[in-house]
């Protein structure tokens, strides 16, 4: 059976309560395939650059800071970057 026919059959079999979700998902797929940036990003190679010792040290430092409670909230970062609200 052709893929479109299979999809039509599946939609016909869906309970009415699931039709809105199915429609939204299909609209998302349609939009995704028509968005030039999305197409470009989907075709981009995976970042396969190896993790360096410097990267690992920075990760360890960040996790240690988090464990010690030395963190900044999202709201505080926004305030620092955007100025007082």
PDB file of N, CA and C in Angstrom:
ATOM      1  N   UNK A   1       0.851  -1.180   0.000  1.00  0.00           N
ATOM      2  CA  UNK A   1       0.000   0.000   0.000  1.00  0.00           C
ATOM      3  C   UNK A   1       0.895   1.240   0.000  1.00  0.00           C
ATOM      4  N   UNK A   2       0.536   2.229  -0.763  1.00  0.00           N
ATOM      5  CA  UNK A   2       1.296   3.471  -0.836  1.00  0.00           C
ATOM      6  C   UNK A   2       1.257   4.183   0.514  1.00  0.00           C
ATOM      7  N   UNK A   3       2.350   4.861   0.852  1.00  0.00           N
ATOM      8  CA  UNK A   3       2.466   5.527   2.157  1.00  0.00           C
ATOM      9  C   UNK A   3       1.319   6.494   2.436  1.00  0.00           C
ATOM     10  N   UNK A   4       0.920   7.275   1.455  1.00  0.00           N
ATOM     11  CA  UNK A   4      -0.184   8.221   1.668  1.00  0.00           C
ATOM     12  C   UNK A   4      -1.484   7.484   1.991  1.00  0.00           C
ATOM     13  N   UNK A   5      -1.713   6.365   1.336  1.00  0.00           N
ATOM     14  CA  UNK A   5      -2.919   5.583   1.615  1.00  0.00           C
ATOM     15  C   UNK A   5      -2.872   5.031   3.036  1.00  0.00           C
ATOM     16  N   UNK A   6      -1.688   4.588   3.464  1.00  0.00           N
ATOM     17  CA  UNK A   6      -1.536   4.084   4.832  1.00  0.00           C
ATOM     18  C   UNK A   6      -1.839   5.201   5.823  1.00  0.00           C
ATOM     19  N   UNK A   7      -1.300   6.392   5.566  1.00  0.00           N
ATOM     20  CA  UNK A   7      -1.565   7.525   6.454  1.00  0.00           C
ATOM     21  C   UNK A   7      -3.043   7.880   6.502  1.00  0.00           C
ATOM     22  N   UNK A   8      -3.684   7.888   5.334  1.00  0.00           N
ATOM     23  CA  UNK A   8      -5.129   8.173   5.297  1.00  0.00           C
ATOM     24  C   UNK A   8      -5.894   7.139   6.118  1.00  0.00           C
ATOM     25  N   UNK A   9      -5.519   5.895   6.000  1.00  0.00           N
ATOM     26  CA  UNK A   9      -6.185   4.837   6.766  1.00  0.00           C
ATOM     27  C   UNK A   9      -5.978   5.032   8.263  1.00  0.00           C
ATOM     28  N   UNK A  10      -4.752   5.368   8.637  1.00  0.00           N
ATOM     29  CA  UNK A  10      -4.470   5.586  10.059  1.00  0.00           C
ATOM     30  C   UNK A  10      -5.272   6.758  10.608  1.00  0.00           C
ATOM     31  N   UNK A  11      -5.360   7.833   9.842  1.00  0.00           N
ATOM     32  CA  UNK A  11      -6.142   8.994  10.286  1.00  0.00           C
ATOM     33  C   UNK A  11      -7.607   8.611  10.425  1.00  0.00           C
ATOM     34  N   UNK A  12      -8.108   7.846   9.485  1.00  0.00           N
ATOM     35  CA  UNK A  12      -9.515   7.420   9.549  1.00  0.00           C
ATOM     36  C   UNK A  12      -9.786   6.570  10.788  1.00  0.00           C
ATOM     37  N   UNK A  13      -8.782   5.864  11.276  1.00  0.00           N
ATOM     38  CA  UNK A  13      -8.955   4.978  12.431  1.00  0.00           C
ATOM     39  C   UNK A  13      -8.736   5.678  13.771  1.00  0.00           C
ATOM     40  N   UNK A  14      -8.216   6.896  13.733  1.00  0.00           N
ATOM     41  CA  UNK A  14      -7.951   7.604  14.995  1.00  0.00           C
ATOM     42  C   UNK A  14      -9.243   7.987  15.701  1.00  0.00           C
ATOM     43  N   UNK A  15      -9.238   7.905  17.032  1.00  0.00           N
ATOM     44  CA  UNK A  15     -10.384   8.415  17.779  1.00  0.00           C
ATOM     45  C   UNK A  15     -10.466   9.938  17.608  1.00  0.00           C
ATOM     46  N   UNK A  16     -11.649  10.486  17.658  1.00  0.00           N
ATOM     47  CA  UNK A  16     -11.840  11.925  17.478  1.00  0.00           C
ATOM     48  C   UNK A  16     -10.978  12.745  18.435  1.00  0.00           C
ATOM     49  N   UNK A  17     -10.765  12.240  19.642  1.00  0.00           N
ATOM     50  CA  UNK A  17      -9.976  12.972  20.637  1.00  0.00           C
ATOM     51  C   UNK A  17      -8.516  13.157  20.203  1.00  0.00           C
ATOM     52  N   UNK A  18      -8.018  12.334  19.301  1.00  0.00           N
ATOM     53  CA  UNK A  18      -6.619  12.412  18.872  1.00  0.00           C
ATOM     54  C   UNK A  18      -6.423  13.177  17.575  1.00  0.00           C
ATOM     55  N   UNK A  19      -7.495  13.630  16.956  1.00  0.00           N
ATOM     56  CA  UNK A  19      -7.374  14.290  15.654  1.00  0.00           C
ATOM     57  C   UNK A  19      -6.633  15.618  15.728  1.00  0.00           C
ATOM     58  N   UNK A  20      -6.857  16.389  16.779  1.00  0.00           N
ATOM     59  CA  UNK A  20      -6.170  17.675  16.908  1.00  0.00           C
ATOM     60  C   UNK A  20      -4.665  17.449  17.037  1.00  0.00           C
ATOM     61  N   UNK A  21      -4.263  16.490  17.843  1.00  0.00           N
ATOM     62  CA  UNK A  21      -2.834  16.203  18.011  1.00  0.00           C
ATOM     63  C   UNK A  21      -2.222  15.714  16.702  1.00  0.00           C
ATOM     64  N   UNK A  22      -2.935  14.866  15.986  1.00  0.00           N
ATOM     65  CA  UNK A  22      -2.442  14.369  14.706  1.00  0.00           C
ATOM     66  C   UNK A  22      -2.289  15.509  13.709  1.00  0.00           C
ATOM     67  N   UNK A  23      -3.251  16.394  13.682  1.00  0.00           N
ATOM     68  CA  UNK A  23      -3.190  17.537  12.759  1.00  0.00           C
ATOM     69  C   UNK A  23      -1.995  18.418  13.080  1.00  0.00           C
ATOM     70  N   UNK A  24      -1.800  18.713  14.360  1.00  0.00           N
ATOM     71  CA  UNK A  24      -0.674  19.564  14.759  1.00  0.00           C
ATOM     72  C   UNK A  24       0.665  18.925  14.377  1.00  0.00           C
ATOM     73  N   UNK A  25       0.774  17.620  14.571  1.00  0.00           N
ATOM     74  CA  UNK A  25       2.017  16.954  14.236  1.00  0.00           C
ATOM     75  C   UNK A  25       2.266  16.979  12.727  1.00  0.00           C
ATOM     76  N   UNK A  26       1.237  16.730  11.952  1.00  0.00           N
ATOM     77  CA  UNK A  26       1.394  16.783  10.494  1.00  0.00           C
ATOM     78  C   UNK A  26       1.734  18.194  10.023  1.00  0.00           C
ATOM     79  N   UNK A  27       1.119  19.204  10.630  1.00  0.00           N
ATOM     80  CA  UNK A  27       1.456  20.584  10.280  1.00  0.00           C
ATOM     81  C   UNK A  27       2.908  20.894  10.638  1.00  0.00           C
ATOM     82  N   UNK A  28       3.352  20.374  11.776  1.00  0.00           N
ATOM     83  CA  UNK A  28       4.755  20.543  12.175  1.00  0.00           C
ATOM     84  C   UNK A  28       5.678  19.908  11.142  1.00  0.00           C
ATOM     85  N   UNK A  29       5.379  18.703  10.708  1.00  0.00           N
ATOM     86  CA  UNK A  29       6.213  18.038   9.706  1.00  0.00           C
ATOM     87  C   UNK A  29       6.238  18.813   8.401  1.00  0.00           C
ATOM     88  N   UNK A  30       5.088  19.326   7.993  1.00  0.00           N
ATOM     89  CA  UNK A  30       5.016  20.107   6.759  1.00  0.00           C
ATOM     90  C   UNK A  30       5.857  21.372   6.883  1.00  0.00           C
ATOM     91  N   UNK A  31       5.713  22.067   7.998  1.00  0.00           N
ATOM     92  CA  UNK A  31       6.483  23.289   8.213  1.00  0.00           C
ATOM     93  C   UNK A  31       7.974  22.995   8.233  1.00  0.00           C
ATOM     94  N   UNK A  32       8.337  21.928   8.931  1.00  0.00           N
ATOM     95  CA  UNK A  32       9.747  21.556   9.070  1.00  0.00           C
ATOM     96  C   UNK A  32      10.386  21.317   7.711  1.00  0.00           C
ATOM     97  N   UNK A  33       9.657  20.689   6.815  1.00  0.00           N
ATOM     98  CA  UNK A  33      10.229  20.373   5.507  1.00  0.00           C
ATOM     99  C   UNK A  33      10.270  21.591   4.588  1.00  0.00           C
ATOM    100  N   UNK A  34       9.556  22.656   4.932  1.00  0.00           N
ATOM    101  CA  UNK A  34       9.523  23.853   4.092  1.00  0.00           C
ATOM    102  C   UNK A  34      10.392  24.987   4.632  1.00  0.00           C
ATOM    103  N   UNK A  35      10.920  24.824   5.822  1.00  0.00           N
ATOM    104  CA  UNK A  35      11.731  25.866   6.445  1.00  0.00           C
ATOM    105  C   UNK A  35      13.177  25.700   5.989  1.00  0.00           C
ATOM    106  N   UNK A  36      13.704  26.663   5.212  1.00  0.00           N
ATOM    107  CA  UNK A  36      15.064  26.521   4.674  1.00  0.00           C
ATOM    108  C   UNK A  36      16.131  26.343   5.758  1.00  0.00           C
ATOM    109  N   UNK A  37      15.975  27.036   6.878  1.00  0.00           N
ATOM    110  CA  UNK A  37      16.953  26.891   7.955  1.00  0.00           C
ATOM    111  C   UNK A  37      16.901  25.479   8.525  1.00  0.00           C
ATOM    112  N   UNK A  38      15.685  24.951   8.735  1.00  0.00           N
ATOM    113  CA  UNK A  38      15.534  23.600   9.271  1.00  0.00           C
ATOM    114  C   UNK A  38      16.148  22.587   8.313  1.00  0.00           C
ATOM    115  N   UNK A  39      15.906  22.752   7.017  1.00  0.00           N
ATOM    116  CA  UNK A  39      16.472  21.841   6.019  1.00  0.00           C
ATOM    117  C   UNK A  39      17.997  21.894   6.081  1.00  0.00           C
ATOM    118  N   UNK A  40      18.551  23.099   6.194  1.00  0.00           N
ATOM    119  CA  UNK A  40      19.995  23.266   6.281  1.00  0.00           C
ATOM    120  C   UNK A  40      20.546  22.602   7.542  1.00  0.00           C
ATOM    121  N   UNK A  41      19.894  22.835   8.669  1.00  0.00           N
ATOM    122  CA  UNK A  41      20.356  22.254   9.925  1.00  0.00           C
ATOM    123  C   UNK A  41      20.245  20.730   9.923  1.00  0.00           C
ATOM    124  N   UNK A  42      19.167  20.208   9.351  1.00  0.00           N
ATOM    125  CA  UNK A  42      19.007  18.755   9.283  1.00  0.00           C
ATOM    126  C   UNK A  42      20.096  18.114   8.441  1.00  0.00           C
ATOM    127  N   UNK A  43      20.606  18.856   7.449  1.00  0.00           N
ATOM    128  CA  UNK A  43      21.635  18.310   6.581  1.00  0.00           C
ATOM    129  C   UNK A  43      23.052  18.572   7.055  1.00  0.00           C
ATOM    130  N   UNK A  44      23.195  19.345   8.131  1.00  0.00           N
ATOM    131  CA  UNK A  44      24.526  19.673   8.639  1.00  0.00           C
ATOM    132  C   UNK A  44      25.170  18.459   9.290  1.00  0.00           C
ATOM    133  N   UNK A  45      26.486  18.339   9.150  1.00  0.00           N
ATOM    134  CA  UNK A  45      27.159  17.198   9.780  1.00  0.00           C
ATOM    135  C   UNK A  45      27.111  17.304  11.296  1.00  0.00           C
ATOM    136  N   UNK A  46      27.140  16.169  11.941  1.00  0.00           N
ATOM    137  CA  UNK A  46      27.168  16.124  13.408  1.00  0.00           C
ATOM    138  C   UNK A  46      28.530  16.623  13.866  1.00  0.00           C
ATOM    139  N   UNK A  47      28.542  17.390  14.930  1.00  0.00           N
ATOM    140  CA  UNK A  47      29.804  17.885  15.477  1.00  0.00           C
ATOM    141  C   UNK A  47      30.552  16.699  16.072  1.00  0.00           C
ATOM    142  N   UNK A  48      31.598  16.277  15.392  1.00  0.00           N
ATOM    143  CA  UNK A  48      32.338  15.109  15.859  1.00  0.00           C
ATOM    144  C   UNK A  48      33.716  15.496  16.389  1.00  0.00           C
ATOM    145  N   UNK A  49      33.847  16.759  16.770  1.00  0.00           N
ATOM    146  CA  UNK A  49      35.109  17.215  17.328  1.00  0.00           C
ATOM    147  C   UNK A  49      35.314  16.540  18.687  1.00  0.00           C
ATOM    148  N   UNK A  50      36.485  15.989  18.908  1.00  0.00           N
ATOM    149  CA  UNK A  50      36.710  15.282  20.180  1.00  0.00           C
ATOM    150  C   UNK A  50      36.694  16.244  21.368  1.00  0.00           C
ATOM    151  N   UNK A  51      36.305  15.731  22.499  1.00  0.00           N
ATOM    152  CA  UNK A  51      36.310  16.503  23.738  1.00  0.00           C
ATOM    153  C   UNK A  51      37.743  16.580  24.243  1.00  0.00           C
ATOM    154  N   UNK A  52      38.203  17.793  24.506  1.00  0.00           N
ATOM    155  CA  UNK A  52      39.584  17.991  24.948  1.00  0.00           C
ATOM    156  C   UNK A  52      39.681  17.910  26.470  1.00  0.00           C
ATOM    157  N   UNK A  53      40.902  17.814  26.964  1.00  0.00           N
ATOM    158  CA  UNK A  53      41.121  17.836  28.412  1.00  0.00           C
ATOM    159  C   UNK A  53      40.646  19.171  29.002  1.00  0.00           C
ATOM    160  N   UNK A  54      40.821  20.243  28.238  1.00  0.00           N
ATOM    161  CA  UNK A  54      40.353  21.552  28.679  1.00  0.00           C
ATOM    162  C   UNK A  54      38.827  21.551  28.821  1.00  0.00           C
ATOM    163  N   UNK A  55      38.137  20.936  27.856  1.00  0.00           N
ATOM    164  CA  UNK A  55      36.674  20.826  27.932  1.00  0.00           C
ATOM    165  C   UNK A  55      36.263  20.053  29.179  1.00  0.00           C
ATOM    166  N   UNK A  56      36.928  18.920  29.408  1.00  0.00           N
ATOM    167  CA  UNK A  56      36.598  18.078  30.564  1.00  0.00           C
ATOM    168  C   UNK A  56      36.852  18.809  31.878  1.00  0.00           C
ATOM    169  N   UNK A  57      37.936  19.581  31.933  1.00  0.00           N
ATOM    170  CA  UNK A  57      38.240  20.352  33.146  1.00  0.00           C
ATOM    171  C   UNK A  57      37.150  21.390  33.400  1.00  0.00           C
ATOM    172  N   UNK A  58      36.696  22.056  32.340  1.00  0.00           N
ATOM    173  CA  UNK A  58      35.643  23.065  32.488  1.00  0.00           C
ATOM    174  C   UNK A  58      34.337  22.414  32.945  1.00  0.00           C
ATOM    175  N   UNK A  59      34.027  21.235  32.423  1.00  0.00           N
ATOM    176  CA  UNK A  59      32.816  20.511  32.841  1.00  0.00           C
ATOM    177  C   UNK A  59      32.917  20.140  34.315  1.00  0.00           C
ATOM    178  N   UNK A  60      34.084  19.607  34.723  1.00  0.00           N
ATOM    179  CA  UNK A  60      34.277  19.238  36.135  1.00  0.00           C
ATOM    180  C   UNK A  60      34.139  20.461  37.046  1.00  0.00           C
ATOM    181  N   UNK A  61      34.708  21.583  36.610  1.00  0.00           N
ATOM    182  CA  UNK A  61      34.633  22.812  37.400  1.00  0.00           C
ATOM    183  C   UNK A  61      33.177  23.278  37.546  1.00  0.00           C
ATOM    184  N   UNK A  62      32.436  23.225  36.473  1.00  0.00           N
ATOM    185  CA  UNK A  62      31.031  23.622  36.522  1.00  0.00           C
ATOM    186  C   UNK A  62      30.209  22.727  37.431  1.00  0.00           C
ATOM    187  N   UNK A  63      30.464  21.428  37.348  1.00  0.00           N
ATOM    188  CA  UNK A  63      29.723  20.490  38.216  1.00  0.00           C
ATOM    189  C   UNK A  63      30.091  20.687  39.681  1.00  0.00           C
ATOM    190  N   UNK A  64      31.365  20.959  39.950  1.00  0.00           N
ATOM    191  CA  UNK A  64      31.783  21.223  41.328  1.00  0.00           C
ATOM    192  C   UNK A  64      31.109  22.483  41.852  1.00  0.00           C
ATOM    193  N   UNK A  65      31.062  23.530  41.028  1.00  0.00           N
ATOM    194  CA  UNK A  65      30.369  24.758  41.422  1.00  0.00           C
ATOM    195  C   UNK A  65      28.909  24.475  41.746  1.00  0.00           C
ATOM    196  N   UNK A  66      28.284  23.672  40.910  1.00  0.00           N
ATOM    197  CA  UNK A  66      26.871  23.347  41.127  1.00  0.00           C
ATOM    198  C   UNK A  66      26.697  22.584  42.442  1.00  0.00           C
ATOM    199  N   UNK A  67      27.564  21.624  42.695  1.00  0.00           N
ATOM    200  CA  UNK A  67      27.487  20.833  43.923  1.00  0.00           C
ATOM    201  C   UNK A  67      27.637  21.720  45.157  1.00  0.00           C
ATOM    202  N   UNK A  68      28.481  22.731  45.059  1.00  0.00           N
ATOM    203  CA  UNK A  68      28.725  23.635  46.184  1.00  0.00           C
ATOM    204  C   UNK A  68      27.694  24.756  46.270  1.00  0.00           C
ATOM    205  N   UNK A  69      26.739  24.734  45.342  1.00  0.00           N
ATOM    206  CA  UNK A  69      25.687  25.744  45.368  1.00  0.00           C
ATOM    207  C   UNK A  69      26.106  27.075  44.781  1.00  0.00           C
ATOM    208  N   UNK A  70      27.233  27.095  44.100  1.00  0.00           N
ATOM    209  CA  UNK A  70      27.716  28.335  43.485  1.00  0.00           C
ATOM    210  C   UNK A  70      27.113  28.462  42.090  1.00  0.00           C
ATOM    211  N   UNK A  71      25.836  28.769  42.068  1.00  0.00           N
ATOM    212  CA  UNK A  71      25.110  28.867  40.806  1.00  0.00           C
ATOM    213  C   UNK A  71      24.398  30.212  40.735  1.00  0.00           C
ATOM    214  N   UNK A  72      24.030  30.587  39.532  1.00  0.00           N
ATOM    215  CA  UNK A  72      23.278  31.819  39.309  1.00  0.00           C
ATOM    216  C   UNK A  72      21.960  31.424  38.661  1.00  0.00           C
ATOM    217  N   UNK A  73      20.870  31.905  39.185  1.00  0.00           N
ATOM    218  CA  UNK A  73      19.558  31.564  38.645  1.00  0.00           C
ATOM    219  C   UNK A  73      19.374  32.176  37.258  1.00  0.00           C
ATOM    220  N   UNK A  74      18.454  31.613  36.524  1.00  0.00           N
ATOM    221  CA  UNK A  74      18.118  32.136  35.195  1.00  0.00           C
ATOM    222  C   UNK A  74      17.687  33.594  35.299  1.00  0.00           C
ATOM    223  N   UNK A  75      16.903  33.899  36.301  1.00  0.00           N
ATOM    224  CA  UNK A  75      16.420  35.261  36.490  1.00  0.00           C
ATOM    225  C   UNK A  75      17.576  36.223  36.754  1.00  0.00           C
ATOM    226  N   UNK A  76      18.562  35.770  37.537  1.00  0.00           N
ATOM    227  CA  UNK A  76      19.712  36.621  37.840  1.00  0.00           C
ATOM    228  C   UNK A  76      20.557  36.865  36.586  1.00  0.00           C
ATOM    229  N   UNK A  77      20.713  35.844  35.765  1.00  0.00           N
ATOM    230  CA  UNK A  77      21.446  36.007  34.501  1.00  0.00           C
ATOM    231  C   UNK A  77      20.732  37.008  33.610  1.00  0.00           C
ATOM    232  N   UNK A  78      19.425  36.899  33.514  1.00  0.00           N
ATOM    233  CA  UNK A  78      18.661  37.875  32.717  1.00  0.00           C
ATOM    234  C   UNK A  78      18.862  39.284  33.253  1.00  0.00           C
ATOM    235  N   UNK A  79      18.819  39.427  34.571  1.00  0.00           N
ATOM    236  CA  UNK A  79      19.001  40.751  35.173  1.00  0.00           C
ATOM    237  C   UNK A  79      20.387  41.290  34.864  1.00  0.00           C
ATOM    238  N   UNK A  80      21.403  40.431  34.964  1.00  0.00           N
ATOM    239  CA  UNK A  80      22.774  40.868  34.693  1.00  0.00           C
ATOM    240  C   UNK A  80      22.976  41.240  33.231  1.00  0.00           C
ATOM    241  N   UNK A  81      22.389  40.465  32.345  1.00  0.00           N
ATOM    242  CA  UNK A  81      22.584  40.708  30.916  1.00  0.00           C
ATOM    243  C   UNK A  81      21.694  41.808  30.370  1.00  0.00           C
ATOM    244  N   UNK A  82      20.482  41.901  30.860  1.00  0.00           N
ATOM    245  CA  UNK A  82      19.521  42.845  30.305  1.00  0.00           C
ATOM    246  C   UNK A  82      19.347  44.096  31.140  1.00  0.00           C
ATOM    247  N   UNK A  83      19.984  44.127  32.290  1.00  0.00           N
ATOM    248  CA  UNK A  83      19.820  45.269  33.183  1.00  0.00           C
ATOM    249  C   UNK A  83      18.650  45.040  34.118  1.00  0.00           C
ATOM    250  N   UNK A  84      18.534  45.844  35.132  1.00  0.00           N
ATOM    251  CA  UNK A  84      17.447  45.702  36.119  1.00  0.00           C
ATOM    252  C   UNK A  84      16.103  45.829  35.448  1.00  0.00           C
ATOM    253  N   UNK A  85      15.182  45.016  35.905  1.00  0.00           N
ATOM    254  CA  UNK A  85      13.806  45.056  35.379  1.00  0.00           C
ATOM    255  C   UNK A  85      12.926  45.815  36.326  1.00  0.00           C
TER     256      UNK A  85
END
